[in-house]
Amino acid sequence: MSFTQSDLRQFTGSTTWWRLPTGVLLTDGAKFIAENGCSWIIDLIGSHQLNTKVKAEEFQTWTIRKYEDNTAIATCTDGGKEGGEPVTLTSQKVLYTDMPVKEIKLYRVDDGENRVIMLNTEY
């Protein structure tokens, strides 16, 4: 299935949290992208939590940018603490994607009790 940036902008909050077997919660928007051909993004974010520098960051900003050759770069930053410039924690090249949009931004938030992945518009 396909979606557009306009489809993603409709998610401005979440009425339900969806728990993955790993314990991570997805908002409605994150679940939408996972169910529409981009579940690999959720897996990618999860796999990088094994990196101690990434895992230690309670607020992670993930940007996945697709290029004309159908490759992509997934970049995780700390979101910019206290108004500072964001610091890149990790990045990964994706050799092929049919992601239907040029860019997806997500947050991974750890509030001490829950780990939640959401679209940036849902924060």
C-alpha atoms as a PDB file:
ATOM      1  CA  MET A   1       0.000   0.000   0.000  1.00  0.00           C
ATOM      2  CA  SER A   2       1.084   3.588  -0.476  1.00  0.00           C
ATOM      3  CA  PHE A   3       0.772   6.844   1.447  1.00  0.00           C
ATOM      4  CA  THR A   4       1.624  10.517   1.044  1.00  0.00           C
ATOM      5  CA  GLN A   5       3.015  13.278   3.260  1.00  0.00           C
ATOM      6  CA  SER A   6      -0.564  14.527   3.522  1.00  0.00           C
ATOM      7  CA  ASP A   7      -1.601  11.147   4.947  1.00  0.00           C
ATOM      8  CA  LEU A   8       1.136  11.427   7.577  1.00  0.00           C
ATOM      9  CA  ARG A   9       0.145  14.984   8.567  1.00  0.00           C
ATOM     10  CA  GLN A  10      -3.288  13.737   9.658  1.00  0.00           C
ATOM     11  CA  PHE A  11      -1.666  12.160  12.733  1.00  0.00           C
ATOM     12  CA  THR A  12      -1.513  14.885  15.380  1.00  0.00           C
ATOM     13  CA  GLY A  13      -2.016  12.754  18.456  1.00  0.00           C
ATOM     14  CA  SER A  14      -2.813   9.167  19.239  1.00  0.00           C
ATOM     15  CA  THR A  15      -5.968   7.687  20.684  1.00  0.00           C
ATOM     16  CA  THR A  16      -4.400   4.265  21.150  1.00  0.00           C
ATOM     17  CA  TRP A  17      -0.941   2.903  21.845  1.00  0.00           C
ATOM     18  CA  TRP A  18      -0.068  -0.399  20.216  1.00  0.00           C
ATOM     19  CA  ARG A  19       2.354  -2.628  22.153  1.00  0.00           C
ATOM     20  CA  LEU A  20       4.903  -4.645  20.189  1.00  0.00           C
ATOM     21  CA  PRO A  21       6.207  -7.979  21.537  1.00  0.00           C
ATOM     22  CA  THR A  22       9.405  -6.092  22.481  1.00  0.00           C
ATOM     23  CA  GLY A  23       7.377  -3.870  24.824  1.00  0.00           C
ATOM     24  CA  VAL A  24       7.804  -0.777  22.648  1.00  0.00           C
ATOM     25  CA  LEU A  25       4.623   1.209  22.057  1.00  0.00           C
ATOM     26  CA  LEU A  26       3.583   2.578  18.667  1.00  0.00           C
ATOM     27  CA  THR A  27       1.241   5.515  18.224  1.00  0.00           C
ATOM     28  CA  ASP A  28      -1.471   5.487  15.558  1.00  0.00           C
ATOM     29  CA  GLY A  29       0.867   7.198  13.070  1.00  0.00           C
ATOM     30  CA  ALA A  30       3.794   4.841  13.652  1.00  0.00           C
ATOM     31  CA  LYS A  31       1.437   1.878  13.337  1.00  0.00           C
ATOM     32  CA  PHE A  32       0.095   3.361  10.085  1.00  0.00           C
ATOM     33  CA  ILE A  33       3.518   3.490   8.431  1.00  0.00           C
ATOM     34  CA  ALA A  34       4.323  -0.016   9.710  1.00  0.00           C
ATOM     35  CA  GLU A  35       1.092  -1.416   8.263  1.00  0.00           C
ATOM     36  CA  ASN A  36       1.638   0.358   4.944  1.00  0.00           C
ATOM     37  CA  GLY A  37       4.939  -1.097   3.810  1.00  0.00           C
ATOM     38  CA  CYS A  38       7.411   0.578   6.178  1.00  0.00           C
ATOM     39  CA  SER A  39       7.573  -1.787   9.144  1.00  0.00           C
ATOM     40  CA  TRP A  40      11.307  -1.992   8.408  1.00  0.00           C
ATOM     41  CA  ILE A  41      11.649   1.526   9.855  1.00  0.00           C
ATOM     42  CA  ILE A  42      10.341   0.343  13.231  1.00  0.00           C
ATOM     43  CA  ASP A  43      12.752  -2.618  13.062  1.00  0.00           C
ATOM     44  CA  LEU A  44      15.643  -0.303  12.135  1.00  0.00           C
ATOM     45  CA  ILE A  45      14.956   1.992  15.111  1.00  0.00           C
ATOM     46  CA  GLY A  46      14.700  -1.028  17.392  1.00  0.00           C
ATOM     47  CA  SER A  47      17.949  -2.539  16.164  1.00  0.00           C
ATOM     48  CA  HIS A  48      19.868   0.654  16.921  1.00  0.00           C
ATOM     49  CA  GLN A  49      18.776   0.515  20.555  1.00  0.00           C
ATOM     50  CA  LEU A  50      21.577  -2.037  21.001  1.00  0.00           C
ATOM     51  CA  ASN A  51      24.006   0.869  20.556  1.00  0.00           C
ATOM     52  CA  THR A  52      24.624   2.138  24.108  1.00  0.00           C
ATOM     53  CA  LYS A  53      24.963   5.769  22.958  1.00  0.00           C
ATOM     54  CA  VAL A  54      21.571   5.609  21.212  1.00  0.00           C
ATOM     55  CA  LYS A  55      19.822   3.635  23.949  1.00  0.00           C
ATOM     56  CA  ALA A  56      20.979   6.116  26.604  1.00  0.00           C
ATOM     57  CA  GLU A  57      19.191   8.974  24.816  1.00  0.00           C
ATOM     58  CA  GLU A  58      15.653   9.364  26.201  1.00  0.00           C
ATOM     59  CA  PHE A  59      14.511  11.539  23.276  1.00  0.00           C
ATOM     60  CA  GLN A  60      15.617  10.393  19.831  1.00  0.00           C
ATOM     61  CA  THR A  61      14.789  12.081  16.537  1.00  0.00           C
ATOM     62  CA  TRP A  62      14.831   9.718  13.554  1.00  0.00           C
ATOM     63  CA  THR A  63      14.832  11.025   9.980  1.00  0.00           C
ATOM     64  CA  ILE A  64      14.626   8.656   7.034  1.00  0.00           C
ATOM     65  CA  ARG A  65      15.397  10.368   3.708  1.00  0.00           C
ATOM     66  CA  LYS A  66      14.850   8.589   0.416  1.00  0.00           C
ATOM     67  CA  TYR A  67      16.928   9.489  -2.643  1.00  0.00           C
ATOM     68  CA  GLU A  68      16.231   9.274  -6.375  1.00  0.00           C
ATOM     69  CA  ASP A  69      18.127   5.972  -6.671  1.00  0.00           C
ATOM     70  CA  ASN A  70      15.770   4.392  -4.048  1.00  0.00           C
ATOM     71  CA  THR A  71      18.454   4.321  -1.387  1.00  0.00           C
ATOM     72  CA  ALA A  72      17.863   6.049   1.930  1.00  0.00           C
ATOM     73  CA  ILE A  73      19.734   7.302   4.947  1.00  0.00           C
ATOM     74  CA  ALA A  74      18.294   6.842   8.427  1.00  0.00           C
ATOM     75  CA  THR A  75      19.769   9.308  10.916  1.00  0.00           C
ATOM     76  CA  CYS A  76      19.212   9.470  14.660  1.00  0.00           C
ATOM     77  CA  THR A  77      19.956  12.637  16.631  1.00  0.00           C
ATOM     78  CA  ASP A  78      19.399  13.730  20.199  1.00  0.00           C
ATOM     79  CA  GLY A  79      16.938  16.342  18.947  1.00  0.00           C
ATOM     80  CA  GLY A  80      19.035  19.255  20.166  1.00  0.00           C
ATOM     81  CA  LYS A  81      19.201  19.575  23.925  1.00  0.00           C
ATOM     82  CA  GLU A  82      18.377  22.877  25.602  1.00  0.00           C
ATOM     83  CA  GLY A  83      18.058  24.658  22.257  1.00  0.00           C
ATOM     84  CA  GLY A  84      21.456  23.494  21.013  1.00  0.00           C
ATOM     85  CA  GLU A  85      22.260  21.923  17.697  1.00  0.00           C
ATOM     86  CA  PRO A  86      21.202  18.272  17.383  1.00  0.00           C
ATOM     87  CA  VAL A  87      24.013  15.749  17.792  1.00  0.00           C
ATOM     88  CA  THR A  88      24.022  12.755  15.459  1.00  0.00           C
ATOM     89  CA  LEU A  89      24.010   9.531  17.458  1.00  0.00           C
ATOM     90  CA  THR A  90      24.009   7.088  14.539  1.00  0.00           C
ATOM     91  CA  SER A  91      23.102   6.732  10.885  1.00  0.00           C
ATOM     92  CA  GLN A  92      22.553   3.862   8.514  1.00  0.00           C
ATOM     93  CA  LYS A  93      22.424   3.623   4.740  1.00  0.00           C
ATOM     94  CA  VAL A  94      19.481   1.654   3.394  1.00  0.00           C
ATOM     95  CA  LEU A  95      20.473   0.058   0.100  1.00  0.00           C
ATOM     96  CA  TYR A  96      16.937  -0.097  -1.302  1.00  0.00           C
ATOM     97  CA  THR A  97      13.524   1.142  -0.270  1.00  0.00           C
ATOM     98  CA  ASP A  98      10.205   1.620  -1.996  1.00  0.00           C
ATOM     99  CA  MET A  99       9.140   4.013   0.761  1.00  0.00           C
ATOM    100  CA  PRO A 100       6.386   6.077  -0.906  1.00  0.00           C
ATOM    101  CA  VAL A 101       7.496   9.468   0.484  1.00  0.00           C
ATOM    102  CA  LYS A 102      10.827  11.306   0.363  1.00  0.00           C
ATOM    103  CA  GLU A 103      11.101  11.732   4.137  1.00  0.00           C
ATOM    104  CA  ILE A 104       9.648  10.378   7.368  1.00  0.00           C
ATOM    105  CA  LYS A 105      10.436  11.852  10.780  1.00  0.00           C
ATOM    106  CA  LEU A 106       9.788   9.945  13.968  1.00  0.00           C
ATOM    107  CA  TYR A 107      10.566  10.318  17.630  1.00  0.00           C
ATOM    108  CA  ARG A 108      11.486   7.547  20.032  1.00  0.00           C
ATOM    109  CA  VAL A 109      10.720   8.690  23.543  1.00  0.00           C
ATOM    110  CA  ASP A 110      11.587   6.886  26.766  1.00  0.00           C
ATOM    111  CA  ASP A 111       9.708   8.276  29.762  1.00  0.00           C
ATOM    112  CA  GLY A 112      11.146   5.770  32.213  1.00  0.00           C
ATOM    113  CA  GLU A 113       8.094   3.520  32.076  1.00  0.00           C
ATOM    114  CA  ASN A 114       7.409   3.279  28.355  1.00  0.00           C
ATOM    115  CA  ARG A 115       9.354   3.431  25.126  1.00  0.00           C
ATOM    116  CA  VAL A 116       7.194   5.001  22.427  1.00  0.00           C
ATOM    117  CA  ILE A 117       7.772   5.446  18.686  1.00  0.00           C
ATOM    118  CA  MET A 118       5.663   8.175  17.093  1.00  0.00           C
ATOM    119  CA  LEU A 119       5.529  10.417  14.066  1.00  0.00           C
ATOM    120  CA  ASN A 120       6.964  13.839  14.820  1.00  0.00           C
ATOM    121  CA  THR A 121       3.504  15.364  14.295  1.00  0.00           C
ATOM    122  CA  GLU A 122       2.151  13.284  17.182  1.00  0.00           C
ATOM    123  CA  TYR A 123       4.465  14.679  19.861  1.00  0.00           C
END
